[in-house]
C-alpha cells in the first residue's frame, strides 16, 4: 500500500470537516460511487488523518455507498482534516484490461449530535 506521502500512481483528495454548531457530534465519512468500471477488488483506498496516520484501508465497491469512517468525534466548532487516497491494487498479474476505465463519485459527511 502507498504511504501518506505517495504522490505518483494514486488519486489523492484532502478534505476538511468543520463543525459550525454549538454541540459536539460524531461524524461518518461515506463514499458514494456513481460509476466504477474497474474489476472487483482492483481499486483500493486508504484514509489518513492530518498527521499522516492510516485510519482505514480496503477495497472500493463496484457502485453505491460505503462508510469509510464511522462514529468519529468532532467537538463543537472543531475541524478535522482527512486525506482519501485511491489506487489500483497491484496483483502481480497483467492488468492491461483495466486501462482506460473510469471511476467517479463523491464524499458524503453525516453528523449526529452527541447526547450527554
Protein backbone atom coordinates (compact mmCIF):
# COMPACT_ATOMS: atom_id res chain seq x y z
CA UNK A 1 0.00 0.00 0.00
CA UNK A 2 1.20 3.52 -0.67
CA UNK A 3 2.09 5.80 2.21
CA UNK A 4 0.58 9.18 3.07
CA UNK A 5 3.46 10.83 1.19
CA UNK A 6 2.98 8.89 -2.08
CA UNK A 7 2.20 11.23 -4.99
CA UNK A 8 2.59 9.06 -8.11
CA UNK A 9 0.14 6.41 -9.26
CA UNK A 10 -2.56 7.44 -6.79
CA UNK A 11 -5.56 9.74 -6.61
CA UNK A 12 -5.36 11.92 -3.53
CA UNK A 13 -8.08 14.17 -2.10
CA UNK A 14 -7.59 16.13 1.11
CA UNK A 15 -10.80 17.41 2.66
CA UNK A 16 -11.74 19.27 5.82
CA UNK A 17 -14.79 18.75 8.01
CA UNK A 18 -15.74 21.79 10.10
CA UNK A 19 -18.41 21.94 12.77
CA UNK A 20 -20.36 25.18 12.71
CA UNK A 21 -22.65 24.07 15.52
CA UNK A 22 -22.60 24.63 19.24
CA UNK A 23 -22.83 20.95 20.21
CA UNK A 24 -20.31 18.12 19.97
CA UNK A 25 -21.03 15.50 17.33
CA UNK A 26 -19.91 12.27 15.75
CA UNK A 27 -19.35 12.06 12.02
CA UNK A 28 -19.40 9.31 9.43
CA UNK A 29 -17.41 9.63 6.20
CA UNK A 30 -19.03 7.87 3.27
CA UNK A 31 -18.03 7.39 -0.34
CA UNK A 32 -20.82 7.27 -2.91
CA UNK A 33 -19.73 5.80 -6.23
CA UNK A 34 -21.87 6.64 -9.24
CA UNK A 35 -19.53 4.81 -11.63
CA UNK A 36 -16.79 2.22 -11.21
CA UNK A 37 -15.75 0.43 -14.41
CA UNK A 38 -12.86 -1.42 -12.75
CA UNK A 39 -12.95 -5.13 -11.99
CA UNK A 40 -13.88 -6.19 -8.44
CA UNK A 41 -11.11 -5.95 -5.84
CA UNK A 42 -8.92 -3.74 -8.03
CA UNK A 43 -9.50 -0.26 -6.58
CA UNK A 44 -8.13 0.15 -3.07
CA UNK A 45 -8.47 3.12 -0.74
CA UNK A 46 -6.95 4.47 2.44
CA UNK A 47 -7.96 7.36 4.66
CA UNK A 48 -5.32 9.24 6.62
CA UNK A 49 -5.67 11.81 9.39
CA UNK A 50 -3.88 15.17 9.34
CA UNK A 51 -0.78 13.55 10.91
CA UNK A 52 -0.48 11.05 8.06
CA UNK A 53 -1.65 8.08 10.15
CA UNK A 54 -3.71 5.45 8.35
CA UNK A 55 -7.24 5.29 9.76
CA UNK A 56 -8.67 2.63 7.44
CA UNK A 57 -8.00 0.79 4.18
CA UNK A 58 -9.94 -1.54 1.94
CA UNK A 59 -11.43 -2.13 -1.49
CA UNK A 60 -13.95 0.20 -3.10
CA UNK A 61 -17.31 -1.29 -4.08
CA UNK A 62 -18.48 -1.51 -7.69
CA UNK A 63 -21.14 1.13 -7.01
CA UNK A 64 -23.29 2.65 -4.32
CA UNK A 65 -22.47 3.94 -0.85
CA UNK A 66 -19.91 2.65 1.61
CA UNK A 67 -18.99 4.05 5.02
CA UNK A 68 -15.24 4.64 5.25
CA UNK A 69 -15.08 6.08 8.78
CA UNK A 70 -17.75 5.81 11.45
CA UNK A 71 -18.52 7.43 14.79
CA UNK A 72 -15.57 9.88 14.73
CA UNK A 73 -15.85 12.51 17.48
CA UNK A 74 -15.81 16.17 16.40
CA UNK A 75 -16.19 18.84 19.04
CA UNK A 76 -18.36 21.90 18.54
CA UNK A 77 -16.60 24.48 16.35
CA UNK A 78 -13.93 21.81 15.70
CA UNK A 79 -12.17 20.98 12.45
CA UNK A 80 -10.81 17.67 11.20
CA UNK A 81 -8.70 17.13 8.09
CA UNK A 82 -8.54 13.83 6.19
CA UNK A 83 -6.88 12.56 3.03
CA UNK A 84 -8.54 9.94 0.85
CA UNK A 85 -6.15 8.01 -1.38
CA UNK A 86 -7.30 5.64 -4.15
CA UNK A 87 -5.09 3.40 -6.30
CA UNK A 88 -5.10 0.28 -8.46
CA UNK A 89 -4.08 -2.71 -6.39
CA UNK A 90 -1.12 -4.43 -7.99
CA UNK A 91 -1.82 -8.17 -8.19
CA UNK A 92 1.36 -9.16 -9.97
CA UNK A 93 -0.73 -10.25 -12.95
CA UNK A 94 -1.30 -8.45 -16.24
CA UNK A 95 -3.84 -5.68 -15.57
CA UNK A 96 -3.94 -4.14 -19.06
CA UNK A 97 -7.71 -4.77 -19.16
CA UNK A 98 -8.07 -2.01 -16.52
CA UNK A 99 -6.57 0.63 -18.84
CA UNK A 100 -8.96 3.41 -19.85
CA UNK A 101 -11.56 2.59 -17.19
CA UNK A 102 -13.04 5.33 -15.02
CA UNK A 103 -14.39 5.76 -11.53
CA UNK A 104 -16.46 8.66 -10.20
CA UNK A 105 -18.27 9.53 -7.04
CA UNK A 106 -18.38 11.88 -4.09
CA UNK A 107 -17.62 12.04 -0.40
CA UNK A 108 -20.55 12.49 1.98
CA UNK A 109 -20.28 13.53 5.62
CA UNK A 110 -23.06 12.66 8.07
CA UNK A 111 -23.12 14.03 11.60
CA UNK A 112 -25.09 13.27 14.74
CA UNK A 113 -25.27 15.34 17.90
CA UNK A 114 -23.57 13.68 20.88
CA UNK A 115 -26.05 13.17 23.70
CA UNK A 116 -24.66 13.65 27.18
